PDB file of N, CA and C in Angstrom:
ATOM      1  N   MET A   1     -24.826  -6.174 -43.926  1.00  0.00           N
ATOM      2  CA  MET A   1     -25.600  -6.164 -42.853  1.00  0.00           C
ATOM      3  C   MET A   1     -25.924  -7.611 -42.389  1.00  0.00           C
ATOM      4  N   LEU A   2     -26.012  -8.524 -43.492  1.00  0.00           N
ATOM      5  CA  LEU A   2     -26.454  -9.824 -42.806  1.00  0.00           C
ATOM      6  C   LEU A   2     -25.268 -10.404 -42.292  1.00  0.00           C
ATOM      7  N   SER A   3     -23.981 -10.196 -42.387  1.00  0.00           N
ATOM      8  CA  SER A   3     -22.848 -10.842 -42.029  1.00  0.00           C
ATOM      9  C   SER A   3     -22.560 -10.481 -40.543  1.00  0.00           C
ATOM     10  N   LYS A   4     -23.025  -9.205 -40.111  1.00  0.00           N
ATOM     11  CA  LYS A   4     -22.964  -8.612 -38.943  1.00  0.00           C
ATOM     12  C   LYS A   4     -23.938  -9.262 -37.996  1.00  0.00           C
ATOM     13  N   LYS A   5     -25.117  -9.906 -38.581  1.00  0.00           N
ATOM     14  CA  LYS A   5     -26.063 -10.403 -37.856  1.00  0.00           C
ATOM     15  C   LYS A   5     -25.392 -11.889 -37.516  1.00  0.00           C
ATOM     16  N   LYS A   6     -24.916 -12.430 -38.539  1.00  0.00           N
ATOM     17  CA  LYS A   6     -24.584 -13.769 -38.460  1.00  0.00           C
ATOM     18  C   LYS A   6     -23.213 -13.795 -37.144  1.00  0.00           C
ATOM     19  N   SER A   7     -22.480 -12.896 -37.287  1.00  0.00           N
ATOM     20  CA  SER A   7     -21.252 -12.867 -36.472  1.00  0.00           C
ATOM     21  C   SER A   7     -21.968 -12.558 -35.053  1.00  0.00           C
ATOM     22  N   ARG A   8     -22.826 -11.836 -34.710  1.00  0.00           N
ATOM     23  CA  ARG A   8     -23.390 -11.631 -33.323  1.00  0.00           C
ATOM     24  C   ARG A   8     -24.105 -13.045 -33.051  1.00  0.00           C
ATOM     25  N   LEU A   9     -24.880 -13.377 -33.956  1.00  0.00           N
ATOM     26  CA  LEU A   9     -25.501 -14.764 -33.754  1.00  0.00           C
ATOM     27  C   LEU A   9     -24.685 -15.663 -32.965  1.00  0.00           C
ATOM     28  N   ALA A  10     -23.492 -15.849 -34.020  1.00  0.00           N
ATOM     29  CA  ALA A  10     -22.322 -16.941 -33.636  1.00  0.00           C
ATOM     30  C   ALA A  10     -21.812 -16.709 -32.306  1.00  0.00           C
ATOM     31  N   GLY A  11     -21.442 -15.411 -32.216  1.00  0.00           N
ATOM     32  CA  GLY A  11     -20.662 -15.082 -30.740  1.00  0.00           C
ATOM     33  C   GLY A  11     -21.812 -15.002 -29.652  1.00  0.00           C
ATOM     34  N   ALA A  12     -22.977 -15.079 -29.870  1.00  0.00           N
ATOM     35  CA  ALA A  12     -24.016 -15.224 -28.750  1.00  0.00           C
ATOM     36  C   ALA A  12     -24.256 -16.914 -28.482  1.00  0.00           C
ATOM     37  N   VAL A  13     -24.238 -17.570 -29.427  1.00  0.00           N
ATOM     38  CA  VAL A  13     -24.410 -19.033 -29.286  1.00  0.00           C
ATOM     39  C   VAL A  13     -23.049 -19.529 -28.476  1.00  0.00           C
ATOM     40  N   MET A  14     -21.752 -18.986 -28.903  1.00  0.00           N
ATOM     41  CA  MET A  14     -20.638 -19.637 -28.333  1.00  0.00           C
ATOM     42  C   MET A  14     -20.647 -19.015 -26.610  1.00  0.00           C
ATOM     43  N   LEU A  15     -21.387 -17.885 -26.542  1.00  0.00           N
ATOM     44  CA  LEU A  15     -21.304 -17.230 -25.049  1.00  0.00           C
ATOM     45  C   LEU A  15     -22.238 -18.442 -24.329  1.00  0.00           C
ATOM     46  N   ALA A  16     -23.619 -18.709 -24.874  1.00  0.00           N
ATOM     47  CA  ALA A  16     -24.362 -19.506 -24.325  1.00  0.00           C
ATOM     48  C   ALA A  16     -23.634 -20.979 -23.971  1.00  0.00           C
ATOM     49  N   ALA A  17     -23.311 -21.453 -25.098  1.00  0.00           N
ATOM     50  CA  ALA A  17     -22.106 -22.806 -24.929  1.00  0.00           C
ATOM     51  C   ALA A  17     -21.364 -22.522 -23.663  1.00  0.00           C
ATOM     52  N   ALA A  18     -20.535 -21.699 -23.621  1.00  0.00           N
ATOM     53  CA  ALA A  18     -19.667 -21.539 -22.800  1.00  0.00           C
ATOM     54  C   ALA A  18     -20.170 -21.393 -21.204  1.00  0.00           C
ATOM     55  N   VAL A  19     -21.421 -20.677 -21.218  1.00  0.00           N
ATOM     56  CA  VAL A  19     -22.114 -20.535 -19.956  1.00  0.00           C
ATOM     57  C   VAL A  19     -22.734 -22.181 -19.557  1.00  0.00           C
ATOM     58  N   VAL A  20     -23.297 -22.708 -20.474  1.00  0.00           N
ATOM     59  CA  VAL A  20     -23.844 -24.230 -20.122  1.00  0.00           C
ATOM     60  C   VAL A  20     -22.705 -25.056 -19.711  1.00  0.00           C
ATOM     61  N   PHE A  21     -21.557 -25.079 -20.444  1.00  0.00           N
ATOM     62  CA  PHE A  21     -20.270 -25.680 -20.138  1.00  0.00           C
ATOM     63  C   PHE A  21     -19.889 -25.463 -18.610  1.00  0.00           C
ATOM     64  N   LEU A  22     -19.557 -24.313 -18.330  1.00  0.00           N
ATOM     65  CA  LEU A  22     -19.266 -23.612 -17.006  1.00  0.00           C
ATOM     66  C   LEU A  22     -20.328 -24.214 -16.107  1.00  0.00           C
ATOM     67  N   ALA A  23     -21.809 -24.319 -16.403  1.00  0.00           N
ATOM     68  CA  ALA A  23     -22.713 -24.788 -15.160  1.00  0.00           C
ATOM     69  C   ALA A  23     -22.374 -26.251 -15.062  1.00  0.00           C
ATOM     70  N   TYR A  24     -22.175 -26.976 -16.297  1.00  0.00           N
ATOM     71  CA  TYR A  24     -21.632 -28.452 -15.930  1.00  0.00           C
ATOM     72  C   TYR A  24     -20.656 -28.587 -15.258  1.00  0.00           C
ATOM     73  N   ALA A  25     -19.564 -27.911 -15.694  1.00  0.00           N
ATOM     74  CA  ALA A  25     -18.187 -28.282 -14.909  1.00  0.00           C
ATOM     75  C   ALA A  25     -18.356 -27.897 -13.414  1.00  0.00           C
ATOM     76  N   ILE A  26     -18.914 -26.865 -13.035  1.00  0.00           N
ATOM     77  CA  ILE A  26     -19.067 -26.652 -11.574  1.00  0.00           C
ATOM     78  C   ILE A  26     -19.997 -27.754 -10.975  1.00  0.00           C
ATOM     79  N   THR A  27     -20.741 -28.613 -11.703  1.00  0.00           N
ATOM     80  CA  THR A  27     -21.755 -29.506 -10.902  1.00  0.00           C
ATOM     81  C   THR A  27     -21.083 -30.766 -10.915  1.00  0.00           C
ATOM     82  N   HIS A  28     -19.947 -30.904 -11.852  1.00  0.00           N
ATOM     83  CA  HIS A  28     -19.372 -32.179 -11.915  1.00  0.00           C
ATOM     84  C   HIS A  28     -17.953 -32.053 -11.476  1.00  0.00           C
ATOM     85  N   PRO A  29     -17.528 -31.713 -10.532  1.00  0.00           N
ATOM     86  CA  PRO A  29     -16.040 -31.278 -10.303  1.00  0.00           C
ATOM     87  C   PRO A  29     -14.818 -32.700 -10.668  1.00  0.00           C
ATOM     88  N   THR A  30     -15.763 -33.793 -10.777  1.00  0.00           N
ATOM     89  CA  THR A  30     -14.535 -34.913 -10.893  1.00  0.00           C
ATOM     90  C   THR A  30     -14.355 -35.194 -12.290  1.00  0.00           C
ATOM     91  N   ALA A  31     -15.156 -34.739 -13.232  1.00  0.00           N
ATOM     92  CA  ALA A  31     -14.994 -34.845 -14.625  1.00  0.00           C
ATOM     93  C   ALA A  31     -13.678 -34.252 -14.983  1.00  0.00           C
ATOM     94  N   SER A  32     -12.968 -34.854 -16.020  1.00  0.00           N
ATOM     95  CA  SER A  32     -11.739 -34.161 -16.665  1.00  0.00           C
ATOM     96  C   SER A  32     -11.505 -34.422 -18.116  1.00  0.00           C
ATOM     97  N   PHE A  33     -10.661 -33.885 -18.626  1.00  0.00           N
ATOM     98  CA  PHE A  33     -10.276 -34.068 -20.001  1.00  0.00           C
ATOM     99  C   PHE A  33      -9.223 -35.235 -20.063  1.00  0.00           C
ATOM    100  N   PRO A  34      -8.715 -36.127 -21.115  1.00  0.00           N
ATOM    101  CA  PRO A  34      -7.664 -36.865 -21.068  1.00  0.00           C
ATOM    102  C   PRO A  34      -6.508 -36.310 -21.447  1.00  0.00           C
ATOM    103  N   TRP A  35      -6.248 -34.908 -21.526  1.00  0.00           N
ATOM    104  CA  TRP A  35      -5.023 -34.462 -21.947  1.00  0.00           C
ATOM    105  C   TRP A  35      -4.747 -33.473 -20.616  1.00  0.00           C
ATOM    106  N   SER A  36      -3.469 -32.728 -20.508  1.00  0.00           N
ATOM    107  CA  SER A  36      -2.953 -32.052 -19.750  1.00  0.00           C
ATOM    108  C   SER A  36      -3.646 -30.523 -19.586  1.00  0.00           C
ATOM    109  N   ASN A  37      -3.464 -30.128 -18.399  1.00  0.00           N
ATOM    110  CA  ASN A  37      -4.062 -28.786 -18.001  1.00  0.00           C
ATOM    111  C   ASN A  37      -3.438 -27.839 -19.102  1.00  0.00           C
ATOM    112  N   GLY A  38      -2.524 -27.777 -19.489  1.00  0.00           N
ATOM    113  CA  GLY A  38      -1.761 -26.805 -20.570  1.00  0.00           C
ATOM    114  C   GLY A  38      -2.701 -26.854 -21.829  1.00  0.00           C
ATOM    115  N   VAL A  39      -3.015 -27.911 -22.250  1.00  0.00           N
ATOM    116  CA  VAL A  39      -3.874 -28.116 -23.387  1.00  0.00           C
ATOM    117  C   VAL A  39      -5.200 -27.533 -23.254  1.00  0.00           C
ATOM    118  N   THR A  40      -5.735 -27.875 -22.065  1.00  0.00           N
ATOM    119  CA  THR A  40      -7.162 -27.418 -21.930  1.00  0.00           C
ATOM    120  C   THR A  40      -7.080 -25.605 -21.726  1.00  0.00           C
ATOM    121  N   TYR A  41      -6.188 -25.124 -21.241  1.00  0.00           N
ATOM    122  CA  TYR A  41      -5.969 -23.862 -21.011  1.00  0.00           C
ATOM    123  C   TYR A  41      -5.910 -23.081 -22.326  1.00  0.00           C
ATOM    124  N   PHE A  42      -5.150 -23.782 -23.315  1.00  0.00           N
ATOM    125  CA  PHE A  42      -4.844 -23.333 -24.619  1.00  0.00           C
ATOM    126  C   PHE A  42      -6.157 -23.346 -25.358  1.00  0.00           C
ATOM    127  N   LEU A  43      -6.950 -24.390 -25.321  1.00  0.00           N
ATOM    128  CA  LEU A  43      -8.289 -24.269 -25.788  1.00  0.00           C
ATOM    129  C   LEU A  43      -9.402 -23.316 -25.552  1.00  0.00           C
ATOM    130  N   TYR A  44      -9.374 -23.142 -24.134  1.00  0.00           N
ATOM    131  CA  TYR A  44     -10.242 -22.271 -23.525  1.00  0.00           C
ATOM    132  C   TYR A  44      -9.720 -20.835 -24.244  1.00  0.00           C
ATOM    133  N   ALA A  45      -8.523 -20.416 -23.987  1.00  0.00           N
ATOM    134  CA  ALA A  45      -7.881 -19.176 -24.644  1.00  0.00           C
ATOM    135  C   ALA A  45      -8.362 -18.956 -26.092  1.00  0.00           C
ATOM    136  N   VAL A  46      -8.271 -19.894 -27.097  1.00  0.00           N
ATOM    137  CA  VAL A  46      -8.686 -19.862 -28.232  1.00  0.00           C
ATOM    138  C   VAL A  46     -10.060 -19.690 -28.254  1.00  0.00           C
ATOM    139  N   TYR A  47     -11.008 -20.376 -27.750  1.00  0.00           N
ATOM    140  CA  TYR A  47     -12.282 -19.931 -27.856  1.00  0.00           C
ATOM    141  C   TYR A  47     -12.685 -18.967 -27.386  1.00  0.00           C
ATOM    142  N   LEU A  48     -12.255 -18.335 -26.230  1.00  0.00           N
ATOM    143  CA  LEU A  48     -12.340 -16.972 -25.839  1.00  0.00           C
ATOM    144  C   LEU A  48     -12.164 -16.033 -26.666  1.00  0.00           C
ATOM    145  N   ILE A  49     -11.114 -15.938 -27.322  1.00  0.00           N
ATOM    146  CA  ILE A  49     -10.454 -15.100 -28.287  1.00  0.00           C
ATOM    147  C   ILE A  49     -11.515 -15.105 -29.546  1.00  0.00           C
ATOM    148  N   ILE A  50     -11.928 -16.248 -29.952  1.00  0.00           N
ATOM    149  CA  ILE A  50     -12.616 -16.143 -31.159  1.00  0.00           C
ATOM    150  C   ILE A  50     -14.286 -15.513 -30.613  1.00  0.00           C
ATOM    151  N   MET A  51     -14.843 -16.104 -29.553  1.00  0.00           N
ATOM    152  CA  MET A  51     -15.945 -15.467 -29.162  1.00  0.00           C
ATOM    153  C   MET A  51     -15.815 -14.182 -28.998  1.00  0.00           C
ATOM    154  N   VAL A  52     -14.947 -13.582 -28.493  1.00  0.00           N
ATOM    155  CA  VAL A  52     -14.890 -11.959 -28.291  1.00  0.00           C
ATOM    156  C   VAL A  52     -14.892 -11.260 -29.544  1.00  0.00           C
ATOM    157  N   PHE A  53     -14.046 -11.910 -30.454  1.00  0.00           N
ATOM    158  CA  PHE A  53     -13.852 -11.210 -32.054  1.00  0.00           C
ATOM    159  C   PHE A  53     -15.178 -11.327 -32.745  1.00  0.00           C
ATOM    160  N   LEU A  54     -15.936 -12.485 -32.450  1.00  0.00           N
ATOM    161  CA  LEU A  54     -17.283 -12.237 -33.135  1.00  0.00           C
ATOM    162  C   LEU A  54     -18.281 -11.696 -32.658  1.00  0.00           C
ATOM    163  N   LEU A  55     -18.136 -11.165 -31.310  1.00  0.00           N
ATOM    164  CA  LEU A  55     -19.304 -10.235 -30.668  1.00  0.00           C
ATOM    165  C   LEU A  55     -18.819  -8.759 -30.951  1.00  0.00           C
ATOM    166  N   ILE A  56     -17.510  -8.601 -30.972  1.00  0.00           N
ATOM    167  CA  ILE A  56     -16.979  -7.043 -31.107  1.00  0.00           C
ATOM    168  C   ILE A  56     -17.017  -6.567 -32.634  1.00  0.00           C
ATOM    169  N   ALA A  57     -16.569  -7.588 -33.300  1.00  0.00           N
ATOM    170  CA  ALA A  57     -16.346  -7.367 -34.952  1.00  0.00           C
ATOM    171  C   ALA A  57     -17.416  -6.547 -35.746  1.00  0.00           C
ATOM    172  N   PRO A  58     -18.573  -6.909 -35.249  1.00  0.00           N
ATOM    173  CA  PRO A  58     -19.707  -6.096 -35.979  1.00  0.00           C
ATOM    174  C   PRO A  58     -19.744  -4.881 -35.703  1.00  0.00           C
ATOM    175  N   PHE A  59     -19.202  -4.174 -34.384  1.00  0.00           N
ATOM    176  CA  PHE A  59     -19.306  -2.874 -34.219  1.00  0.00           C
ATOM    177  C   PHE A  59     -18.113  -1.985 -34.746  1.00  0.00           C
ATOM    178  N   LYS A  60     -17.243  -2.748 -35.340  1.00  0.00           N
ATOM    179  CA  LYS A  60     -16.057  -1.929 -35.997  1.00  0.00           C
ATOM    180  C   LYS A  60     -16.468  -1.748 -37.529  1.00  0.00           C
ATOM    181  N   ARG A  61     -15.984  -0.435 -37.831  1.00  0.00           N
ATOM    182  CA  ARG A  61     -16.329  -0.074 -39.324  1.00  0.00           C
ATOM    183  C   ARG A  61     -15.439  -0.703 -40.283  1.00  0.00           C
TER     184      ARG A  61
END
């Protein structure tokens, strides 16, 4: 039971961090990363997959 709460908490923290990052990115359109967009999109995809897994995993048996 405790690991389910930890998983949900980790997923919620990741979701909150993503929202904060999105708000920052929208208000600072000239900011960028020092690598190509392909690397950025890959990192976004990995982050999204991990976050969704942590939010959904506690509901599976």
